[in-house]
PDB file of N, CA and C in Angstrom:
ATOM      1  N   UNK A   1      -1.815  -2.148 -17.589  1.00  0.00           N
ATOM      2  CA  UNK A   1      -1.251  -0.984 -17.560  1.00  0.00           C
ATOM      3  C   UNK A   1       0.298  -1.143 -17.303  1.00  0.00           C
ATOM      4  N   UNK A   2       1.014  -0.392 -18.190  1.00  0.00           N
ATOM      5  CA  UNK A   2       2.670  -0.702 -18.111  1.00  0.00           C
ATOM      6  C   UNK A   2       3.048  -0.104 -16.908  1.00  0.00           C
ATOM      7  N   UNK A   3       4.104  -0.749 -16.339  1.00  0.00           N
ATOM      8  CA  UNK A   3       4.712  -0.421 -14.911  1.00  0.00           C
ATOM      9  C   UNK A   3       5.199   0.959 -15.019  1.00  0.00           C
ATOM     10  N   UNK A   4       5.849   1.382 -16.086  1.00  0.00           N
ATOM     11  CA  UNK A   4       6.502   2.790 -16.028  1.00  0.00           C
ATOM     12  C   UNK A   4       5.323   3.960 -15.986  1.00  0.00           C
ATOM     13  N   UNK A   5       4.397   3.517 -16.771  1.00  0.00           N
ATOM     14  CA  UNK A   5       3.162   4.316 -16.606  1.00  0.00           C
ATOM     15  C   UNK A   5       2.588   4.557 -15.226  1.00  0.00           C
ATOM     16  N   UNK A   6       2.489   3.605 -14.536  1.00  0.00           N
ATOM     17  CA  UNK A   6       1.985   3.462 -13.256  1.00  0.00           C
ATOM     18  C   UNK A   6       2.989   4.253 -12.170  1.00  0.00           C
ATOM     19  N   UNK A   7       4.089   3.864 -12.338  1.00  0.00           N
ATOM     20  CA  UNK A   7       5.134   4.518 -11.583  1.00  0.00           C
ATOM     21  C   UNK A   7       5.317   6.066 -11.879  1.00  0.00           C
ATOM     22  N   UNK A   8       5.136   6.459 -12.927  1.00  0.00           N
ATOM     23  CA  UNK A   8       5.164   7.892 -13.249  1.00  0.00           C
ATOM     24  C   UNK A   8       3.946   8.668 -13.003  1.00  0.00           C
ATOM     25  N   UNK A   9       2.770   8.085 -13.210  1.00  0.00           N
ATOM     26  CA  UNK A   9       1.361   8.743 -12.912  1.00  0.00           C
ATOM     27  C   UNK A   9       0.797   8.428 -11.420  1.00  0.00           C
ATOM     28  N   UNK A  10       1.086   7.365 -11.034  1.00  0.00           N
ATOM     29  CA  UNK A  10       0.070   6.912  -9.860  1.00  0.00           C
ATOM     30  C   UNK A  10       0.835   6.665  -8.623  1.00  0.00           C
ATOM     31  N   UNK A  11       2.130   6.250  -8.634  1.00  0.00           N
ATOM     32  CA  UNK A  11       2.684   5.800  -7.443  1.00  0.00           C
ATOM     33  C   UNK A  11       2.963   6.724  -6.489  1.00  0.00           C
ATOM     34  N   UNK A  12       3.321   7.912  -6.627  1.00  0.00           N
ATOM     35  CA  UNK A  12       3.436   8.923  -5.478  1.00  0.00           C
ATOM     36  C   UNK A  12       2.103   9.176  -4.936  1.00  0.00           C
ATOM     37  N   UNK A  13       1.039   9.439  -5.635  1.00  0.00           N
ATOM     38  CA  UNK A  13      -0.260   9.683  -5.200  1.00  0.00           C
ATOM     39  C   UNK A  13      -0.772   8.384  -4.469  1.00  0.00           C
ATOM     40  N   UNK A  14      -0.423   7.437  -4.880  1.00  0.00           N
ATOM     41  CA  UNK A  14      -0.929   6.073  -4.080  1.00  0.00           C
ATOM     42  C   UNK A  14      -0.236   5.963  -2.641  1.00  0.00           C
ATOM     43  N   UNK A  15       1.068   6.263  -2.583  1.00  0.00           N
ATOM     44  CA  UNK A  15       1.838   6.168  -1.300  1.00  0.00           C
ATOM     45  C   UNK A  15       1.306   7.350  -0.470  1.00  0.00           C
ATOM     46  N   UNK A  16       0.866   8.514  -0.991  1.00  0.00           N
ATOM     47  CA  UNK A  16       0.638   9.525  -0.095  1.00  0.00           C
ATOM     48  C   UNK A  16      -0.864   9.282   0.452  1.00  0.00           C
ATOM     49  N   UNK A  17      -1.510   8.537  -0.175  1.00  0.00           N
ATOM     50  CA  UNK A  17      -2.975   8.299   0.330  1.00  0.00           C
ATOM     51  C   UNK A  17      -2.836   7.317   1.741  1.00  0.00           C
ATOM     52  N   UNK A  18      -1.767   6.760   1.874  1.00  0.00           N
ATOM     53  CA  UNK A  18      -1.460   5.799   3.016  1.00  0.00           C
ATOM     54  C   UNK A  18      -1.332   6.780   4.352  1.00  0.00           C
ATOM     55  N   UNK A  19      -1.124   7.994   4.122  1.00  0.00           N
ATOM     56  CA  UNK A  19      -1.198   9.166   5.054  1.00  0.00           C
ATOM     57  C   UNK A  19      -2.514   9.892   5.304  1.00  0.00           C
ATOM     58  N   UNK A  20      -3.341   9.618   4.516  1.00  0.00           N
ATOM     59  CA  UNK A  20      -4.664  10.453   4.559  1.00  0.00           C
ATOM     60  C   UNK A  20      -5.201  10.356   5.882  1.00  0.00           C
ATOM     61  N   UNK A  21      -5.769  11.491   6.060  1.00  0.00           N
ATOM     62  CA  UNK A  21      -6.566  11.552   7.634  1.00  0.00           C
ATOM     63  C   UNK A  21      -7.665  10.894   7.736  1.00  0.00           C
ATOM     64  N   UNK A  22      -8.500  10.417   6.625  1.00  0.00           N
ATOM     65  CA  UNK A  22      -9.456   9.545   6.661  1.00  0.00           C
ATOM     66  C   UNK A  22      -9.159   8.221   6.754  1.00  0.00           C
ATOM     67  N   UNK A  23      -9.721   7.490   7.711  1.00  0.00           N
ATOM     68  CA  UNK A  23      -9.298   6.135   8.059  1.00  0.00           C
ATOM     69  C   UNK A  23      -9.871   5.138   6.922  1.00  0.00           C
ATOM     70  N   UNK A  24     -10.881   5.511   6.293  1.00  0.00           N
ATOM     71  CA  UNK A  24     -11.367   4.487   5.088  1.00  0.00           C
ATOM     72  C   UNK A  24     -10.414   4.595   4.011  1.00  0.00           C
ATOM     73  N   UNK A  25      -9.856   5.777   3.780  1.00  0.00           N
ATOM     74  CA  UNK A  25      -8.996   5.963   2.628  1.00  0.00           C
ATOM     75  C   UNK A  25      -7.737   5.014   2.879  1.00  0.00           C
ATOM     76  N   UNK A  26      -7.304   4.991   4.090  1.00  0.00           N
ATOM     77  CA  UNK A  26      -6.183   4.057   4.542  1.00  0.00           C
ATOM     78  C   UNK A  26      -6.615   2.716   4.292  1.00  0.00           C
ATOM     79  N   UNK A  27      -7.783   2.408   4.757  1.00  0.00           N
ATOM     80  CA  UNK A  27      -8.252   0.992   4.664  1.00  0.00           C
ATOM     81  C   UNK A  27      -8.142   0.405   3.162  1.00  0.00           C
ATOM     82  N   UNK A  28      -8.577   1.303   2.290  1.00  0.00           N
ATOM     83  CA  UNK A  28      -8.574   1.096   0.737  1.00  0.00           C
ATOM     84  C   UNK A  28      -7.231   1.039   0.196  1.00  0.00           C
ATOM     85  N   UNK A  29      -6.249   1.812   0.750  1.00  0.00           N
ATOM     86  CA  UNK A  29      -4.827   1.740   0.376  1.00  0.00           C
ATOM     87  C   UNK A  29      -4.296   0.422   0.658  1.00  0.00           C
ATOM     88  N   UNK A  30      -4.700  -0.118   1.891  1.00  0.00           N
ATOM     89  CA  UNK A  30      -4.099  -1.496   2.343  1.00  0.00           C
ATOM     90  C   UNK A  30      -4.763  -2.441   1.326  1.00  0.00           C
ATOM     91  N   UNK A  31      -6.131  -2.397   1.125  1.00  0.00           N
ATOM     92  CA  UNK A  31      -6.870  -3.472   0.208  1.00  0.00           C
ATOM     93  C   UNK A  31      -6.211  -3.397  -1.217  1.00  0.00           C
ATOM     94  N   UNK A  32      -5.950  -2.022  -1.734  1.00  0.00           N
ATOM     95  CA  UNK A  32      -5.546  -2.004  -2.994  1.00  0.00           C
ATOM     96  C   UNK A  32      -3.949  -2.403  -2.997  1.00  0.00           C
ATOM     97  N   UNK A  33      -3.126  -2.581  -2.185  1.00  0.00           N
ATOM     98  CA  UNK A  33      -1.920  -3.074  -2.116  1.00  0.00           C
ATOM     99  C   UNK A  33      -1.785  -4.616  -2.755  1.00  0.00           C
ATOM    100  N   UNK A  34      -2.746  -5.110  -2.534  1.00  0.00           N
ATOM    101  CA  UNK A  34      -2.730  -6.514  -3.129  1.00  0.00           C
ATOM    102  C   UNK A  34      -2.734  -6.496  -4.726  1.00  0.00           C
ATOM    103  N   UNK A  35      -3.611  -5.641  -5.212  1.00  0.00           N
ATOM    104  CA  UNK A  35      -3.656  -5.190  -6.732  1.00  0.00           C
ATOM    105  C   UNK A  35      -2.509  -4.673  -7.386  1.00  0.00           C
ATOM    106  N   UNK A  36      -1.802  -3.676  -6.478  1.00  0.00           N
ATOM    107  CA  UNK A  36      -0.780  -3.011  -7.256  1.00  0.00           C
ATOM    108  C   UNK A  36       0.584  -3.739  -6.863  1.00  0.00           C
ATOM    109  N   UNK A  37       0.673  -4.534  -6.105  1.00  0.00           N
ATOM    110  CA  UNK A  37       1.913  -5.340  -6.024  1.00  0.00           C
ATOM    111  C   UNK A  37       2.599  -5.778  -6.924  1.00  0.00           C
ATOM    112  N   UNK A  38       2.219  -6.308  -8.003  1.00  0.00           N
ATOM    113  CA  UNK A  38       2.893  -6.597  -9.252  1.00  0.00           C
ATOM    114  C   UNK A  38       3.783  -5.596  -9.663  1.00  0.00           C
ATOM    115  N   UNK A  39       3.308  -4.175  -9.658  1.00  0.00           N
ATOM    116  CA  UNK A  39       4.029  -3.105 -10.171  1.00  0.00           C
ATOM    117  C   UNK A  39       5.316  -3.061  -9.361  1.00  0.00           C
ATOM    118  N   UNK A  40       5.297  -3.642  -8.243  1.00  0.00           N
ATOM    119  CA  UNK A  40       6.686  -3.547  -7.510  1.00  0.00           C
ATOM    120  C   UNK A  40       7.689  -4.539  -7.589  1.00  0.00           C
ATOM    121  N   UNK A  41       7.192  -5.556  -8.449  1.00  0.00           N
ATOM    122  CA  UNK A  41       8.264  -6.629  -8.501  1.00  0.00           C
ATOM    123  C   UNK A  41       9.461  -6.286  -9.394  1.00  0.00           C
ATOM    124  N   UNK A  42      10.381  -6.973  -8.967  1.00  0.00           N
ATOM    125  CA  UNK A  42      11.638  -6.662  -9.532  1.00  0.00           C
ATOM    126  C   UNK A  42      12.343  -5.285  -9.454  1.00  0.00           C
ATOM    127  N   UNK A  43      11.715  -4.535  -8.241  1.00  0.00           N
ATOM    128  CA  UNK A  43      12.216  -3.121  -8.056  1.00  0.00           C
ATOM    129  C   UNK A  43      12.299  -3.203  -6.518  1.00  0.00           C
ATOM    130  N   UNK A  44      13.539  -3.389  -5.993  1.00  0.00           N
ATOM    131  CA  UNK A  44      13.704  -3.553  -4.629  1.00  0.00           C
ATOM    132  C   UNK A  44      13.348  -2.305  -3.914  1.00  0.00           C
ATOM    133  N   UNK A  45      13.859  -1.056  -4.290  1.00  0.00           N
ATOM    134  CA  UNK A  45      13.502   0.242  -3.573  1.00  0.00           C
ATOM    135  C   UNK A  45      12.055   0.311  -3.427  1.00  0.00           C
ATOM    136  N   UNK A  46      11.158   0.149  -4.679  1.00  0.00           N
ATOM    137  CA  UNK A  46       9.753   0.033  -4.430  1.00  0.00           C
ATOM    138  C   UNK A  46       9.092  -0.934  -3.392  1.00  0.00           C
ATOM    139  N   UNK A  47       9.622  -2.188  -3.546  1.00  0.00           N
ATOM    140  CA  UNK A  47       9.255  -3.019  -2.597  1.00  0.00           C
ATOM    141  C   UNK A  47       9.591  -2.721  -0.979  1.00  0.00           C
ATOM    142  N   UNK A  48      10.590  -2.021  -0.823  1.00  0.00           N
ATOM    143  CA  UNK A  48      10.914  -1.668   0.571  1.00  0.00           C
ATOM    144  C   UNK A  48       9.838  -0.505   0.984  1.00  0.00           C
ATOM    145  N   UNK A  49       9.648   0.316  -0.095  1.00  0.00           N
ATOM    146  CA  UNK A  49       8.582   1.504   0.292  1.00  0.00           C
ATOM    147  C   UNK A  49       7.357   1.010   0.705  1.00  0.00           C
ATOM    148  N   UNK A  50       6.991  -0.112  -0.173  1.00  0.00           N
ATOM    149  CA  UNK A  50       5.699  -0.921   0.009  1.00  0.00           C
ATOM    150  C   UNK A  50       5.665  -1.465   1.527  1.00  0.00           C
ATOM    151  N   UNK A  51       6.559  -2.090   1.945  1.00  0.00           N
ATOM    152  CA  UNK A  51       6.759  -2.827   2.974  1.00  0.00           C
ATOM    153  C   UNK A  51       6.615  -1.733   4.199  1.00  0.00           C
ATOM    154  N   UNK A  52       7.423  -0.744   3.938  1.00  0.00           N
ATOM    155  CA  UNK A  52       7.482   0.436   4.970  1.00  0.00           C
ATOM    156  C   UNK A  52       5.932   1.032   5.048  1.00  0.00           C
ATOM    157  N   UNK A  53       5.340   1.132   4.031  1.00  0.00           N
ATOM    158  CA  UNK A  53       3.964   1.754   4.074  1.00  0.00           C
ATOM    159  C   UNK A  53       3.089   0.787   4.764  1.00  0.00           C
ATOM    160  N   UNK A  54       3.071  -0.619   4.391  1.00  0.00           N
ATOM    161  CA  UNK A  54       2.298  -1.488   5.106  1.00  0.00           C
ATOM    162  C   UNK A  54       2.463  -1.706   6.640  1.00  0.00           C
ATOM    163  N   UNK A  55       3.649  -1.561   6.875  1.00  0.00           N
ATOM    164  CA  UNK A  55       4.188  -1.602   8.450  1.00  0.00           C
ATOM    165  C   UNK A  55       3.417  -0.268   9.177  1.00  0.00           C
ATOM    166  N   UNK A  56       3.407   0.887   8.454  1.00  0.00           N
ATOM    167  CA  UNK A  56       2.966   2.045   9.044  1.00  0.00           C
ATOM    168  C   UNK A  56       1.430   1.832   9.009  1.00  0.00           C
ATOM    169  N   UNK A  57       0.719   1.147   8.078  1.00  0.00           N
ATOM    170  CA  UNK A  57      -0.644   0.787   8.315  1.00  0.00           C
ATOM    171  C   UNK A  57      -0.975  -0.216   9.318  1.00  0.00           C
ATOM    172  N   UNK A  58      -0.049  -1.224   9.563  1.00  0.00           N
ATOM    173  CA  UNK A  58      -0.351  -2.180  10.434  1.00  0.00           C
ATOM    174  C   UNK A  58      -0.281  -1.613  11.841  1.00  0.00           C
ATOM    175  N   UNK A  59       0.386  -0.363  12.110  1.00  0.00           N
ATOM    176  CA  UNK A  59       0.563   0.136  13.399  1.00  0.00           C
ATOM    177  C   UNK A  59      -0.332   1.352  13.558  1.00  0.00           C
ATOM    178  N   UNK A  60      -1.456   1.453  12.740  1.00  0.00           N
ATOM    179  CA  UNK A  60      -2.329   2.703  12.660  1.00  0.00           C
ATOM    180  C   UNK A  60      -3.095   2.830  13.870  1.00  0.00           C
ATOM    181  N   UNK A  61      -3.572   4.056  14.402  1.00  0.00           N
ATOM    182  CA  UNK A  61      -4.422   4.060  15.330  1.00  0.00           C
ATOM    183  C   UNK A  61      -5.861   3.680  15.276  1.00  0.00           C
ATOM    184  N   UNK A  62      -6.355   3.346  14.070  1.00  0.00           N
ATOM    185  CA  UNK A  62      -7.732   2.934  13.675  1.00  0.00           C
ATOM    186  C   UNK A  62      -7.661   1.430  13.551  1.00  0.00           C
ATOM    187  N   UNK A  63      -8.497   0.750  14.224  1.00  0.00           N
ATOM    188  CA  UNK A  63      -8.577  -0.822  14.211  1.00  0.00           C
ATOM    189  C   UNK A  63      -8.881  -1.365  12.881  1.00  0.00           C
ATOM    190  N   UNK A  64      -9.636  -0.576  11.928  1.00  0.00           N
ATOM    191  CA  UNK A  64     -10.186  -1.149  10.662  1.00  0.00           C
ATOM    192  C   UNK A  64      -8.761  -1.042   9.824  1.00  0.00           C
ATOM    193  N   UNK A  65      -8.171   0.019   9.900  1.00  0.00           N
ATOM    194  CA  UNK A  65      -6.824   0.039   8.970  1.00  0.00           C
ATOM    195  C   UNK A  65      -5.974  -1.005   9.303  1.00  0.00           C
ATOM    196  N   UNK A  66      -5.608  -1.240  10.733  1.00  0.00           N
ATOM    197  CA  UNK A  66      -4.691  -2.418  11.270  1.00  0.00           C
ATOM    198  C   UNK A  66      -5.238  -3.514  10.629  1.00  0.00           C
ATOM    199  N   UNK A  67      -6.598  -3.876  10.743  1.00  0.00           N
ATOM    200  CA  UNK A  67      -6.958  -5.188  10.240  1.00  0.00           C
ATOM    201  C   UNK A  67      -6.797  -5.394   8.812  1.00  0.00           C
ATOM    202  N   UNK A  68      -7.194  -4.295   7.964  1.00  0.00           N
ATOM    203  CA  UNK A  68      -7.053  -4.367   6.640  1.00  0.00           C
ATOM    204  C   UNK A  68      -5.483  -4.644   6.101  1.00  0.00           C
ATOM    205  N   UNK A  69      -4.598  -3.950   6.834  1.00  0.00           N
ATOM    206  CA  UNK A  69      -3.171  -4.139   6.487  1.00  0.00           C
ATOM    207  C   UNK A  69      -2.817  -5.410   6.841  1.00  0.00           C
ATOM    208  N   UNK A  70      -3.187  -6.157   8.049  1.00  0.00           N
ATOM    209  CA  UNK A  70      -2.681  -7.442   8.280  1.00  0.00           C
ATOM    210  C   UNK A  70      -3.369  -8.400   7.381  1.00  0.00           C
ATOM    211  N   UNK A  71      -4.536  -8.310   6.997  1.00  0.00           N
ATOM    212  CA  UNK A  71      -5.128  -8.970   6.100  1.00  0.00           C
ATOM    213  C   UNK A  71      -4.369  -9.141   4.644  1.00  0.00           C
ATOM    214  N   UNK A  72      -4.091  -7.895   4.125  1.00  0.00           N
ATOM    215  CA  UNK A  72      -3.571  -7.880   2.969  1.00  0.00           C
ATOM    216  C   UNK A  72      -1.964  -8.359   3.065  1.00  0.00           C
ATOM    217  N   UNK A  73      -1.257  -8.299   4.145  1.00  0.00           N
ATOM    218  CA  UNK A  73      -0.081  -8.831   4.344  1.00  0.00           C
ATOM    219  C   UNK A  73      -0.092 -10.466   4.494  1.00  0.00           C
ATOM    220  N   UNK A  74      -1.248 -10.869   4.968  1.00  0.00           N
ATOM    221  CA  UNK A  74      -1.363 -12.191   5.089  1.00  0.00           C
ATOM    222  C   UNK A  74      -1.575 -12.878   3.762  1.00  0.00           C
ATOM    223  N   UNK A  75      -2.246 -11.995   2.767  1.00  0.00           N
ATOM    224  CA  UNK A  75      -2.472 -12.525   1.593  1.00  0.00           C
ATOM    225  C   UNK A  75      -1.337 -12.480   0.594  1.00  0.00           C
ATOM    226  N   UNK A  76      -0.373 -11.674   1.003  1.00  0.00           N
ATOM    227  CA  UNK A  76       0.812 -11.478   0.068  1.00  0.00           C
ATOM    228  C   UNK A  76       1.716 -12.632   0.485  1.00  0.00           C
ATOM    229  N   UNK A  77       1.692 -13.109   1.734  1.00  0.00           N
ATOM    230  CA  UNK A  77       2.653 -14.233   2.046  1.00  0.00           C
ATOM    231  C   UNK A  77       1.870 -15.388   1.598  1.00  0.00           C
TER     232      UNK A  77
END
């Protein structure tokens, strides 16, 4: 999928899912961050948004969300 297509059609919705009230949705956002990360390469602003989102998930009130976010961050490093 081309990066521009992803940005125009899916990025905003994906980022909003990280704020969903259902914890399993937030877990899946953290897991999917590994898959969508290449769409953020070479885009500093988008990388900062992704980092901010992952930091928010890593401090979530739900333990499963925190665990998924920490695992995703570990895989990225």
